[in-house]
Amino acid sequence: FSPIIQNTMIPVAANDVAFSIHAVVLTA
């Protein structure tokens, strides 16, 4: 979600974000 890295090849995909949020919730 960084505005600095907009218009560049972001090294993080939407599925990475979704997984990490999901992993935190289920581990919690």
mmCIF file of all heavy atoms, coordinates in Angstrom:
data_MODEL
# 
_entry.id   MODEL 
# 
loop_
_atom_site.group_PDB 
_atom_site.id 
_atom_site.type_symbol 
_atom_site.label_atom_id 
_atom_site.label_alt_id 
_atom_site.label_comp_id 
_atom_site.label_asym_id 
_atom_site.label_entity_id 
_atom_site.label_seq_id 
_atom_site.pdbx_PDB_ins_code 
_atom_site.Cartn_x 
_atom_site.Cartn_y 
_atom_site.Cartn_z 
_atom_site.occupancy 
_atom_site.B_iso_or_equiv 
_atom_site.pdbx_formal_charge 
_atom_site.auth_seq_id 
_atom_site.auth_comp_id 
_atom_site.auth_asym_id 
_atom_site.auth_atom_id 
_atom_site.pdbx_PDB_model_num 
ATOM 1   N N   . PHE A 1 1  ? 0.800  -1.220  0.000   1.00 0.00 ? 1  PHE A N   1 
ATOM 2   C CA  . PHE A 1 1  ? 0.000  0.000   0.000   1.00 0.00 ? 1  PHE A CA  1 
ATOM 3   C C   . PHE A 1 1  ? 0.836  1.274   0.000   1.00 0.00 ? 1  PHE A C   1 
ATOM 4   O O   . PHE A 1 1  ? 0.292  2.364   0.152   1.00 0.00 ? 1  PHE A O   1 
ATOM 5   C CB  . PHE A 1 1  ? -0.968 0.003   1.189   1.00 0.00 ? 1  PHE A CB  1 
ATOM 6   C CG  . PHE A 1 1  ? -2.012 -1.062  1.078   1.00 0.00 ? 1  PHE A CG  1 
ATOM 7   C CD1 . PHE A 1 1  ? -1.955 -2.197  1.875   1.00 0.00 ? 1  PHE A CD1 1 
ATOM 8   C CD2 . PHE A 1 1  ? -3.038 -0.962  0.155   1.00 0.00 ? 1  PHE A CD2 1 
ATOM 9   C CE1 . PHE A 1 1  ? -2.912 -3.199  1.766   1.00 0.00 ? 1  PHE A CE1 1 
ATOM 10  C CE2 . PHE A 1 1  ? -4.004 -1.955  0.036   1.00 0.00 ? 1  PHE A CE2 1 
ATOM 11  C CZ  . PHE A 1 1  ? -3.932 -3.072  0.843   1.00 0.00 ? 1  PHE A CZ  1 
ATOM 12  N N   . SER A 1 2  ? 2.132  1.157   -0.179  1.00 0.00 ? 2  SER A N   1 
ATOM 13  C CA  . SER A 1 2  ? 3.017  2.321   -0.146  1.00 0.00 ? 2  SER A CA  1 
ATOM 14  C C   . SER A 1 2  ? 2.794  3.231   -1.344  1.00 0.00 ? 2  SER A C   1 
ATOM 15  O O   . SER A 1 2  ? 2.896  2.798   -2.488  1.00 0.00 ? 2  SER A O   1 
ATOM 16  C CB  . SER A 1 2  ? 4.476  1.877   -0.134  1.00 0.00 ? 2  SER A CB  1 
ATOM 17  O OG  . SER A 1 2  ? 5.321  2.980   -0.298  1.00 0.00 ? 2  SER A OG  1 
ATOM 18  N N   . PRO A 1 3  ? 2.507  4.520   -1.112  1.00 0.00 ? 3  PRO A N   1 
ATOM 19  C CA  . PRO A 1 3  ? 2.367  5.446   -2.239  1.00 0.00 ? 3  PRO A CA  1 
ATOM 20  C C   . PRO A 1 3  ? 3.709  5.714   -2.929  1.00 0.00 ? 3  PRO A C   1 
ATOM 21  O O   . PRO A 1 3  ? 3.738  6.087   -4.092  1.00 0.00 ? 3  PRO A O   1 
ATOM 22  C CB  . PRO A 1 3  ? 1.823  6.720   -1.597  1.00 0.00 ? 3  PRO A CB  1 
ATOM 23  C CG  . PRO A 1 3  ? 2.213  6.629   -0.173  1.00 0.00 ? 3  PRO A CG  1 
ATOM 24  C CD  . PRO A 1 3  ? 2.284  5.165   0.168   1.00 0.00 ? 3  PRO A CD  1 
ATOM 25  N N   . ILE A 1 4  ? 4.800  5.493   -2.223  1.00 0.00 ? 4  ILE A N   1 
ATOM 26  C CA  . ILE A 1 4  ? 6.128  5.713   -2.795  1.00 0.00 ? 4  ILE A CA  1 
ATOM 27  C C   . ILE A 1 4  ? 6.416  4.691   -3.893  1.00 0.00 ? 4  ILE A C   1 
ATOM 28  O O   . ILE A 1 4  ? 7.047  4.990   -4.896  1.00 0.00 ? 4  ILE A O   1 
ATOM 29  C CB  . ILE A 1 4  ? 7.215  5.623   -1.708  1.00 0.00 ? 4  ILE A CB  1 
ATOM 30  C CG1 . ILE A 1 4  ? 7.028  6.750   -0.700  1.00 0.00 ? 4  ILE A CG1 1 
ATOM 31  C CG2 . ILE A 1 4  ? 8.609  5.668   -2.302  1.00 0.00 ? 4  ILE A CG2 1 
ATOM 32  C CD1 . ILE A 1 4  ? 7.896  6.625   0.523   1.00 0.00 ? 4  ILE A CD1 1 
ATOM 33  N N   . ILE A 1 5  ? 5.912  3.493   -3.712  1.00 0.00 ? 5  ILE A N   1 
ATOM 34  C CA  . ILE A 1 5  ? 6.257  2.422   -4.634  1.00 0.00 ? 5  ILE A CA  1 
ATOM 35  C C   . ILE A 1 5  ? 5.189  2.245   -5.711  1.00 0.00 ? 5  ILE A C   1 
ATOM 36  O O   . ILE A 1 5  ? 5.259  1.348   -6.516  1.00 0.00 ? 5  ILE A O   1 
ATOM 37  C CB  . ILE A 1 5  ? 6.515  1.123   -3.849  1.00 0.00 ? 5  ILE A CB  1 
ATOM 38  C CG1 . ILE A 1 5  ? 7.599  1.382   -2.804  1.00 0.00 ? 5  ILE A CG1 1 
ATOM 39  C CG2 . ILE A 1 5  ? 6.959  0.001   -4.744  1.00 0.00 ? 5  ILE A CG2 1 
ATOM 40  C CD1 . ILE A 1 5  ? 7.987  0.224   -1.979  1.00 0.00 ? 5  ILE A CD1 1 
ATOM 41  N N   . GLN A 1 6  ? 4.206  3.123   -5.756  1.00 0.00 ? 6  GLN A N   1 
ATOM 42  C CA  . GLN A 1 6  ? 3.210  3.078   -6.833  1.00 0.00 ? 6  GLN A CA  1 
ATOM 43  C C   . GLN A 1 6  ? 3.935  3.192   -8.174  1.00 0.00 ? 6  GLN A C   1 
ATOM 44  O O   . GLN A 1 6  ? 4.987  3.800   -8.259  1.00 0.00 ? 6  GLN A O   1 
ATOM 45  C CB  . GLN A 1 6  ? 2.215  4.224   -6.687  1.00 0.00 ? 6  GLN A CB  1 
ATOM 46  C CG  . GLN A 1 6  ? 1.455  4.212   -5.386  1.00 0.00 ? 6  GLN A CG  1 
ATOM 47  C CD  . GLN A 1 6  ? 0.392  3.135   -5.320  1.00 0.00 ? 6  GLN A CD  1 
ATOM 48  O OE1 . GLN A 1 6  ? -0.271 2.847   -6.301  1.00 0.00 ? 6  GLN A OE1 1 
ATOM 49  N NE2 . GLN A 1 6  ? 0.230  2.549   -4.153  1.00 0.00 ? 6  GLN A NE2 1 
ATOM 50  N N   . ASN A 1 7  ? 3.387  2.650   -9.192  1.00 0.00 ? 7  ASN A N   1 
ATOM 51  C CA  . ASN A 1 7  ? 3.942  2.696   -10.548 1.00 0.00 ? 7  ASN A CA  1 
ATOM 52  C C   . ASN A 1 7  ? 5.292  1.993   -10.673 1.00 0.00 ? 7  ASN A C   1 
ATOM 53  O O   . ASN A 1 7  ? 6.068  2.284   -11.559 1.00 0.00 ? 7  ASN A O   1 
ATOM 54  C CB  . ASN A 1 7  ? 4.073  4.143   -11.056 1.00 0.00 ? 7  ASN A CB  1 
ATOM 55  C CG  . ASN A 1 7  ? 2.750  4.860   -11.031 1.00 0.00 ? 7  ASN A CG  1 
ATOM 56  O OD1 . ASN A 1 7  ? 1.719  4.265   -11.343 1.00 0.00 ? 7  ASN A OD1 1 
ATOM 57  N ND2 . ASN A 1 7  ? 2.768  6.115   -10.653 1.00 0.00 ? 7  ASN A ND2 1 
ATOM 58  N N   . THR A 1 8  ? 5.581  1.113   -9.768  1.00 0.00 ? 8  THR A N   1 
ATOM 59  C CA  . THR A 1 8  ? 6.783  0.290   -9.879  1.00 0.00 ? 8  THR A CA  1 
ATOM 60  C C   . THR A 1 8  ? 6.363  -1.155  -9.716  1.00 0.00 ? 8  THR A C   1 
ATOM 61  O O   . THR A 1 8  ? 5.234  -1.438  -9.349  1.00 0.00 ? 8  THR A O   1 
ATOM 62  C CB  . THR A 1 8  ? 7.823  0.632   -8.788  1.00 0.00 ? 8  THR A CB  1 
ATOM 63  O OG1 . THR A 1 8  ? 7.255  0.323   -7.515  1.00 0.00 ? 8  THR A OG1 1 
ATOM 64  C CG2 . THR A 1 8  ? 8.252  2.076   -8.849  1.00 0.00 ? 8  THR A CG2 1 
ATOM 65  N N   . MET A 1 9  ? 7.274  -2.055  -9.964  1.00 0.00 ? 9  MET A N   1 
ATOM 66  C CA  . MET A 1 9  ? 6.980  -3.468  -9.784  1.00 0.00 ? 9  MET A CA  1 
ATOM 67  C C   . MET A 1 9  ? 7.054  -3.759  -8.282  1.00 0.00 ? 9  MET A C   1 
ATOM 68  O O   . MET A 1 9  ? 8.127  -3.910  -7.721  1.00 0.00 ? 9  MET A O   1 
ATOM 69  C CB  . MET A 1 9  ? 7.972  -4.333  -10.548 1.00 0.00 ? 9  MET A CB  1 
ATOM 70  C CG  . MET A 1 9  ? 7.634  -5.802  -10.479 1.00 0.00 ? 9  MET A CG  1 
ATOM 71  S SD  . MET A 1 9  ? 6.028  -6.150  -11.171 1.00 0.00 ? 9  MET A SD  1 
ATOM 72  C CE  . MET A 1 9  ? 6.508  -6.942  -12.660 1.00 0.00 ? 9  MET A CE  1 
ATOM 73  N N   . ILE A 1 10 ? 5.920  -3.776  -7.630  1.00 0.00 ? 10 ILE A N   1 
ATOM 74  C CA  . ILE A 1 10 ? 5.867  -4.016  -6.188  1.00 0.00 ? 10 ILE A CA  1 
ATOM 75  C C   . ILE A 1 10 ? 6.275  -5.462  -5.926  1.00 0.00 ? 10 ILE A C   1 
ATOM 76  O O   . ILE A 1 10 ? 5.736  -6.380  -6.535  1.00 0.00 ? 10 ILE A O   1 
ATOM 77  C CB  . ILE A 1 10 ? 4.451  -3.748  -5.643  1.00 0.00 ? 10 ILE A CB  1 
ATOM 78  C CG1 . ILE A 1 10 ? 4.059  -2.306  -5.901  1.00 0.00 ? 10 ILE A CG1 1 
ATOM 79  C CG2 . ILE A 1 10 ? 4.367  -4.084  -4.163  1.00 0.00 ? 10 ILE A CG2 1 
ATOM 80  C CD1 . ILE A 1 10 ? 2.618  -1.993  -5.556  1.00 0.00 ? 10 ILE A CD1 1 
ATOM 81  N N   . PRO A 1 11 ? 7.227  -5.674  -5.017  1.00 0.00 ? 11 PRO A N   1 
ATOM 82  C CA  . PRO A 1 11 ? 7.680  -7.033  -4.764  1.00 0.00 ? 11 PRO A CA  1 
ATOM 83  C C   . PRO A 1 11 ? 6.727  -7.852  -3.896  1.00 0.00 ? 11 PRO A C   1 
ATOM 84  O O   . PRO A 1 11 ? 7.076  -8.912  -3.434  1.00 0.00 ? 11 PRO A O   1 
ATOM 85  C CB  . PRO A 1 11 ? 9.011  -6.815  -4.046  1.00 0.00 ? 11 PRO A CB  1 
ATOM 86  C CG  . PRO A 1 11 ? 8.858  -5.512  -3.372  1.00 0.00 ? 11 PRO A CG  1 
ATOM 87  C CD  . PRO A 1 11 ? 7.980  -4.690  -4.259  1.00 0.00 ? 11 PRO A CD  1 
ATOM 88  N N   . VAL A 1 12 ? 5.524  -7.341  -3.671  1.00 0.00 ? 12 VAL A N   1 
ATOM 89  C CA  . VAL A 1 12 ? 4.536  -8.025  -2.851  1.00 0.00 ? 12 VAL A CA  1 
ATOM 90  C C   . VAL A 1 12 ? 3.231  -8.091  -3.634  1.00 0.00 ? 12 VAL A C   1 
ATOM 91  O O   . VAL A 1 12 ? 2.763  -7.084  -4.151  1.00 0.00 ? 12 VAL A O   1 
ATOM 92  C CB  . VAL A 1 12 ? 4.323  -7.264  -1.523  1.00 0.00 ? 12 VAL A CB  1 
ATOM 93  C CG1 . VAL A 1 12 ? 3.207  -7.881  -0.724  1.00 0.00 ? 12 VAL A CG1 1 
ATOM 94  C CG2 . VAL A 1 12 ? 5.607  -7.226  -0.720  1.00 0.00 ? 12 VAL A CG2 1 
ATOM 95  N N   . ALA A 1 13 ? 2.665  -9.267  -3.721  1.00 0.00 ? 13 ALA A N   1 
ATOM 96  C CA  . ALA A 1 13 ? 1.403  -9.461  -4.440  1.00 0.00 ? 13 ALA A CA  1 
ATOM 97  C C   . ALA A 1 13 ? 0.234  -9.426  -3.464  1.00 0.00 ? 13 ALA A C   1 
ATOM 98  O O   . ALA A 1 13 ? 0.411  -9.579  -2.247  1.00 0.00 ? 13 ALA A O   1 
ATOM 99  C CB  . ALA A 1 13 ? 1.437  -10.794 -5.179  1.00 0.00 ? 13 ALA A CB  1 
ATOM 100 N N   . ALA A 1 14 ? -0.951 -9.260  -3.994  1.00 0.00 ? 14 ALA A N   1 
ATOM 101 C CA  . ALA A 1 14 ? -2.159 -9.220  -3.162  1.00 0.00 ? 14 ALA A CA  1 
ATOM 102 C C   . ALA A 1 14 ? -2.316 -10.512 -2.358  1.00 0.00 ? 14 ALA A C   1 
ATOM 103 O O   . ALA A 1 14 ? -2.739 -10.480 -1.196  1.00 0.00 ? 14 ALA A O   1 
ATOM 104 C CB  . ALA A 1 14 ? -3.385 -8.987  -4.033  1.00 0.00 ? 14 ALA A CB  1 
ATOM 105 N N   . ASN A 1 15 ? -1.961 -11.641 -2.957  1.00 0.00 ? 15 ASN A N   1 
ATOM 106 C CA  . ASN A 1 15 ? -2.083 -12.901 -2.228  1.00 0.00 ? 15 ASN A CA  1 
ATOM 107 C C   . ASN A 1 15 ? -1.103 -12.967 -1.049  1.00 0.00 ? 15 ASN A C   1 
ATOM 108 O O   . ASN A 1 15 ? -1.389 -13.604 -0.038  1.00 0.00 ? 15 ASN A O   1 
ATOM 109 C CB  . ASN A 1 15 ? -1.907 -14.103 -3.154  1.00 0.00 ? 15 ASN A CB  1 
ATOM 110 C CG  . ASN A 1 15 ? -0.570 -14.131 -3.837  1.00 0.00 ? 15 ASN A CG  1 
ATOM 111 O OD1 . ASN A 1 15 ? -0.341 -13.385 -4.785  1.00 0.00 ? 15 ASN A OD1 1 
ATOM 112 N ND2 . ASN A 1 15 ? 0.343  -14.973 -3.377  1.00 0.00 ? 15 ASN A ND2 1 
ATOM 113 N N   . ASP A 1 16 ? 0.057  -12.284 -1.138  1.00 0.00 ? 16 ASP A N   1 
ATOM 114 C CA  . ASP A 1 16 ? 0.994  -12.213 -0.011  1.00 0.00 ? 16 ASP A CA  1 
ATOM 115 C C   . ASP A 1 16 ? 0.367  -11.444 1.150   1.00 0.00 ? 16 ASP A C   1 
ATOM 116 O O   . ASP A 1 16 ? 0.494  -11.837 2.313   1.00 0.00 ? 16 ASP A O   1 
ATOM 117 C CB  . ASP A 1 16 ? 2.295  -11.512 -0.420  1.00 0.00 ? 16 ASP A CB  1 
ATOM 118 C CG  . ASP A 1 16 ? 3.101  -12.291 -1.430  1.00 0.00 ? 16 ASP A CG  1 
ATOM 119 O OD1 . ASP A 1 16 ? 3.087  -13.542 -1.381  1.00 0.00 ? 16 ASP A OD1 1 
ATOM 120 O OD2 . ASP A 1 16 ? 3.752  -11.647 -2.279  1.00 0.00 ? 16 ASP A OD2 1 
ATOM 121 N N   . VAL A 1 17 ? -0.284 -10.338 0.817   1.00 0.00 ? 17 VAL A N   1 
ATOM 122 C CA  . VAL A 1 17 ? -0.945 -9.528  1.841   1.00 0.00 ? 17 VAL A CA  1 
ATOM 123 C C   . VAL A 1 17 ? -2.079 -10.329 2.471   1.00 0.00 ? 17 VAL A C   1 
ATOM 124 O O   . VAL A 1 17 ? -2.209 -10.394 3.702   1.00 0.00 ? 17 VAL A O   1 
ATOM 125 C CB  . VAL A 1 17 ? -1.474 -8.206  1.239   1.00 0.00 ? 17 VAL A CB  1 
ATOM 126 C CG1 . VAL A 1 17 ? -2.265 -7.416  2.269   1.00 0.00 ? 17 VAL A CG1 1 
ATOM 127 C CG2 . VAL A 1 17 ? -0.327 -7.369  0.692   1.00 0.00 ? 17 VAL A CG2 1 
ATOM 128 N N   . ALA A 1 18 ? -2.897 -10.956 1.646   1.00 0.00 ? 18 ALA A N   1 
ATOM 129 C CA  . ALA A 1 18 ? -4.023 -11.744 2.149   1.00 0.00 ? 18 ALA A CA  1 
ATOM 130 C C   . ALA A 1 18 ? -3.536 -12.886 3.035   1.00 0.00 ? 18 ALA A C   1 
ATOM 131 O O   . ALA A 1 18 ? -4.088 -13.130 4.114   1.00 0.00 ? 18 ALA A O   1 
ATOM 132 C CB  . ALA A 1 18 ? -4.847 -12.286 0.982   1.00 0.00 ? 18 ALA A CB  1 
ATOM 133 N N   . PHE A 1 19 ? -2.490 -13.579 2.606   1.00 0.00 ? 19 PHE A N   1 
ATOM 134 C CA  . PHE A 1 19 ? -1.982 -14.689 3.414   1.00 0.00 ? 19 PHE A CA  1 
ATOM 135 C C   . PHE A 1 19 ? -1.454 -14.205 4.752   1.00 0.00 ? 19 PHE A C   1 
ATOM 136 O O   . PHE A 1 19 ? -1.748 -14.795 5.794   1.00 0.00 ? 19 PHE A O   1 
ATOM 137 C CB  . PHE A 1 19 ? -0.876 -15.471 2.698   1.00 0.00 ? 19 PHE A CB  1 
ATOM 138 C CG  . PHE A 1 19 ? -0.227 -16.463 3.621   1.00 0.00 ? 19 PHE A CG  1 
ATOM 139 C CD1 . PHE A 1 19 ? -0.878 -17.635 3.961   1.00 0.00 ? 19 PHE A CD1 1 
ATOM 140 C CD2 . PHE A 1 19 ? 0.996  -16.193 4.213   1.00 0.00 ? 19 PHE A CD2 1 
ATOM 141 C CE1 . PHE A 1 19 ? -0.318 -18.522 4.865   1.00 0.00 ? 19 PHE A CE1 1 
ATOM 142 C CE2 . PHE A 1 19 ? 1.568  -17.071 5.109   1.00 0.00 ? 19 PHE A CE2 1 
ATOM 143 C CZ  . PHE A 1 19 ? 0.905  -18.249 5.437   1.00 0.00 ? 19 PHE A CZ  1 
ATOM 144 N N   . SER A 1 20 ? -0.670 -13.129 4.737   1.00 0.00 ? 20 SER A N   1 
ATOM 145 C CA  . SER A 1 20 ? -0.068 -12.693 6.001   1.00 0.00 ? 20 SER A CA  1 
ATOM 146 C C   . SER A 1 20 ? -1.139 -12.227 6.991   1.00 0.00 ? 20 SER A C   1 
ATOM 147 O O   . SER A 1 20 ? -1.034 -12.510 8.187   1.00 0.00 ? 20 SER A O   1 
ATOM 148 C CB  . SER A 1 20 ? 1.005  -11.632 5.764   1.00 0.00 ? 20 SER A CB  1 
ATOM 149 O OG  . SER A 1 20 ? 0.505  -10.515 5.093   1.00 0.00 ? 20 SER A OG  1 
ATOM 150 N N   . ILE A 1 21 ? -2.157 -11.554 6.519   1.00 0.00 ? 21 ILE A N   1 
ATOM 151 C CA  . ILE A 1 21 ? -3.255 -11.143 7.407   1.00 0.00 ? 21 ILE A CA  1 
ATOM 152 C C   . ILE A 1 21 ? -3.986 -12.378 7.933   1.00 0.00 ? 21 ILE A C   1 
ATOM 153 O O   . ILE A 1 21 ? -4.263 -12.498 9.134   1.00 0.00 ? 21 ILE A O   1 
ATOM 154 C CB  . ILE A 1 21 ? -4.219 -10.179 6.686   1.00 0.00 ? 21 ILE A CB  1 
ATOM 155 C CG1 . ILE A 1 21 ? -3.514 -8.847  6.410   1.00 0.00 ? 21 ILE A CG1 1 
ATOM 156 C CG2 . ILE A 1 21 ? -5.501 -9.972  7.495   1.00 0.00 ? 21 ILE A CG2 1 
ATOM 157 C CD1 . ILE A 1 21 ? -4.277 -7.923  5.487   1.00 0.00 ? 21 ILE A CD1 1 
ATOM 158 N N   . HIS A 1 22 ? -4.285 -13.311 7.041   1.00 0.00 ? 22 HIS A N   1 
ATOM 159 C CA  . HIS A 1 22 ? -4.960 -14.555 7.414   1.00 0.00 ? 22 HIS A CA  1 
ATOM 160 C C   . HIS A 1 22 ? -4.129 -15.330 8.435   1.00 0.00 ? 22 HIS A C   1 
ATOM 161 O O   . HIS A 1 22 ? -4.662 -15.828 9.432   1.00 0.00 ? 22 HIS A O   1 
ATOM 162 C CB  . HIS A 1 22 ? -5.189 -15.387 6.141   1.00 0.00 ? 22 HIS A CB  1 
ATOM 163 C CG  . HIS A 1 22 ? -5.891 -16.674 6.380   1.00 0.00 ? 22 HIS A CG  1 
ATOM 164 N ND1 . HIS A 1 22 ? -5.212 -17.863 6.511   1.00 0.00 ? 22 HIS A ND1 1 
ATOM 165 C CD2 . HIS A 1 22 ? -7.208 -16.968 6.498   1.00 0.00 ? 22 HIS A CD2 1 
ATOM 166 C CE1 . HIS A 1 22 ? -6.087 -18.836 6.712   1.00 0.00 ? 22 HIS A CE1 1 
ATOM 167 N NE2 . HIS A 1 22 ? -7.300 -18.318 6.699   1.00 0.00 ? 22 HIS A NE2 1 
ATOM 168 N N   . ALA A 1 23 ? -2.821 -15.410 8.218   1.00 0.00 ? 23 ALA A N   1 
ATOM 169 C CA  . ALA A 1 23 ? -1.934 -16.149 9.121   1.00 0.00 ? 23 ALA A CA  1 
ATOM 170 C C   . ALA A 1 23 ? -1.908 -15.516 10.510  1.00 0.00 ? 23 ALA A C   1 
ATOM 171 O O   . ALA A 1 23 ? -1.931 -16.224 11.524  1.00 0.00 ? 23 ALA A O   1 
ATOM 172 C CB  . ALA A 1 23 ? -0.524 -16.209 8.539   1.00 0.00 ? 23 ALA A CB  1 
ATOM 173 N N   . VAL A 1 24 ? -1.878 -14.184 10.576  1.00 0.00 ? 24 VAL A N   1 
ATOM 174 C CA  . VAL A 1 24 ? -1.880 -13.509 11.874  1.00 0.00 ? 24 VAL A CA  1 
ATOM 175 C C   . VAL A 1 24 ? -3.184 -13.780 12.612  1.00 0.00 ? 24 VAL A C   1 
ATOM 176 O O   . VAL A 1 24 ? -3.188 -14.104 13.811  1.00 0.00 ? 24 VAL A O   1 
ATOM 177 C CB  . VAL A 1 24 ? -1.639 -11.992 11.714  1.00 0.00 ? 24 VAL A CB  1 
ATOM 178 C CG1 . VAL A 1 24 ? -1.947 -11.237 13.004  1.00 0.00 ? 24 VAL A CG1 1 
ATOM 179 C CG2 . VAL A 1 24 ? -0.205 -11.729 11.285  1.00 0.00 ? 24 VAL A CG2 1 
ATOM 180 N N   . VAL A 1 25 ? -4.297 -13.683 11.913  1.00 0.00 ? 25 VAL A N   1 
ATOM 181 C CA  . VAL A 1 25 ? -5.600 -13.897 12.558  1.00 0.00 ? 25 VAL A CA  1 
ATOM 182 C C   . VAL A 1 25 ? -5.708 -15.327 13.083  1.00 0.00 ? 25 VAL A C   1 
ATOM 183 O O   . VAL A 1 25 ? -6.088 -15.544 14.251  1.00 0.00 ? 25 VAL A O   1 
ATOM 184 C CB  . VAL A 1 25 ? -6.755 -13.576 11.581  1.00 0.00 ? 25 VAL A CB  1 
ATOM 185 C CG1 . VAL A 1 25 ? -8.088 -14.048 12.119  1.00 0.00 ? 25 VAL A CG1 1 
ATOM 186 C CG2 . VAL A 1 25 ? -6.792 -12.081 11.283  1.00 0.00 ? 25 VAL A CG2 1 
ATOM 187 N N   . LEU A 1 26 ? -5.341 -16.317 12.268  1.00 0.00 ? 26 LEU A N   1 
ATOM 188 C CA  . LEU A 1 26 ? -5.498 -17.706 12.707  1.00 0.00 ? 26 LEU A CA  1 
ATOM 189 C C   . LEU A 1 26 ? -4.482 -18.092 13.781  1.00 0.00 ? 26 LEU A C   1 
ATOM 190 O O   . LEU A 1 26 ? -4.801 -18.868 14.684  1.00 0.00 ? 26 LEU A O   1 
ATOM 191 C CB  . LEU A 1 26 ? -5.425 -18.650 11.511  1.00 0.00 ? 26 LEU A CB  1 
ATOM 192 C CG  . LEU A 1 26 ? -6.639 -18.530 10.590  1.00 0.00 ? 26 LEU A CG  1 
ATOM 193 C CD1 . LEU A 1 26 ? -6.557 -19.502 9.428   1.00 0.00 ? 26 LEU A CD1 1 
ATOM 194 C CD2 . LEU A 1 26 ? -7.934 -18.751 11.342  1.00 0.00 ? 26 LEU A CD2 1 
ATOM 195 N N   . THR A 1 27 ? -3.285 -17.543 13.710  1.00 0.00 ? 27 THR A N   1 
ATOM 196 C CA  . THR A 1 27 ? -2.302 -17.817 14.766  1.00 0.00 ? 27 THR A CA  1 
ATOM 197 C C   . THR A 1 27 ? -2.740 -17.154 16.064  1.00 0.00 ? 27 THR A C   1 
ATOM 198 O O   . THR A 1 27 ? -2.575 -17.724 17.152  1.00 0.00 ? 27 THR A O   1 
ATOM 199 C CB  . THR A 1 27 ? -0.903 -17.342 14.339  1.00 0.00 ? 27 THR A CB  1 
ATOM 200 O OG1 . THR A 1 27 ? -0.569 -17.947 13.086  1.00 0.00 ? 27 THR A OG1 1 
ATOM 201 C CG2 . THR A 1 27 ? 0.142  -17.737 15.364  1.00 0.00 ? 27 THR A CG2 1 
ATOM 202 N N   . ALA A 1 28 ? -3.314 -15.961 15.975  1.00 0.00 ? 28 ALA A N   1 
ATOM 203 C CA  . ALA A 1 28 ? -3.844 -15.294 17.173  1.00 0.00 ? 28 ALA A CA  1 
ATOM 204 C C   . ALA A 1 28 ? -5.003 -16.097 17.773  1.00 0.00 ? 28 ALA A C   1 
ATOM 205 O O   . ALA A 1 28 ? -5.127 -16.200 18.998  1.00 0.00 ? 28 ALA A O   1 
ATOM 206 C CB  . ALA A 1 28 ? -4.290 -13.875 16.842  1.00 0.00 ? 28 ALA A CB  1 
# 
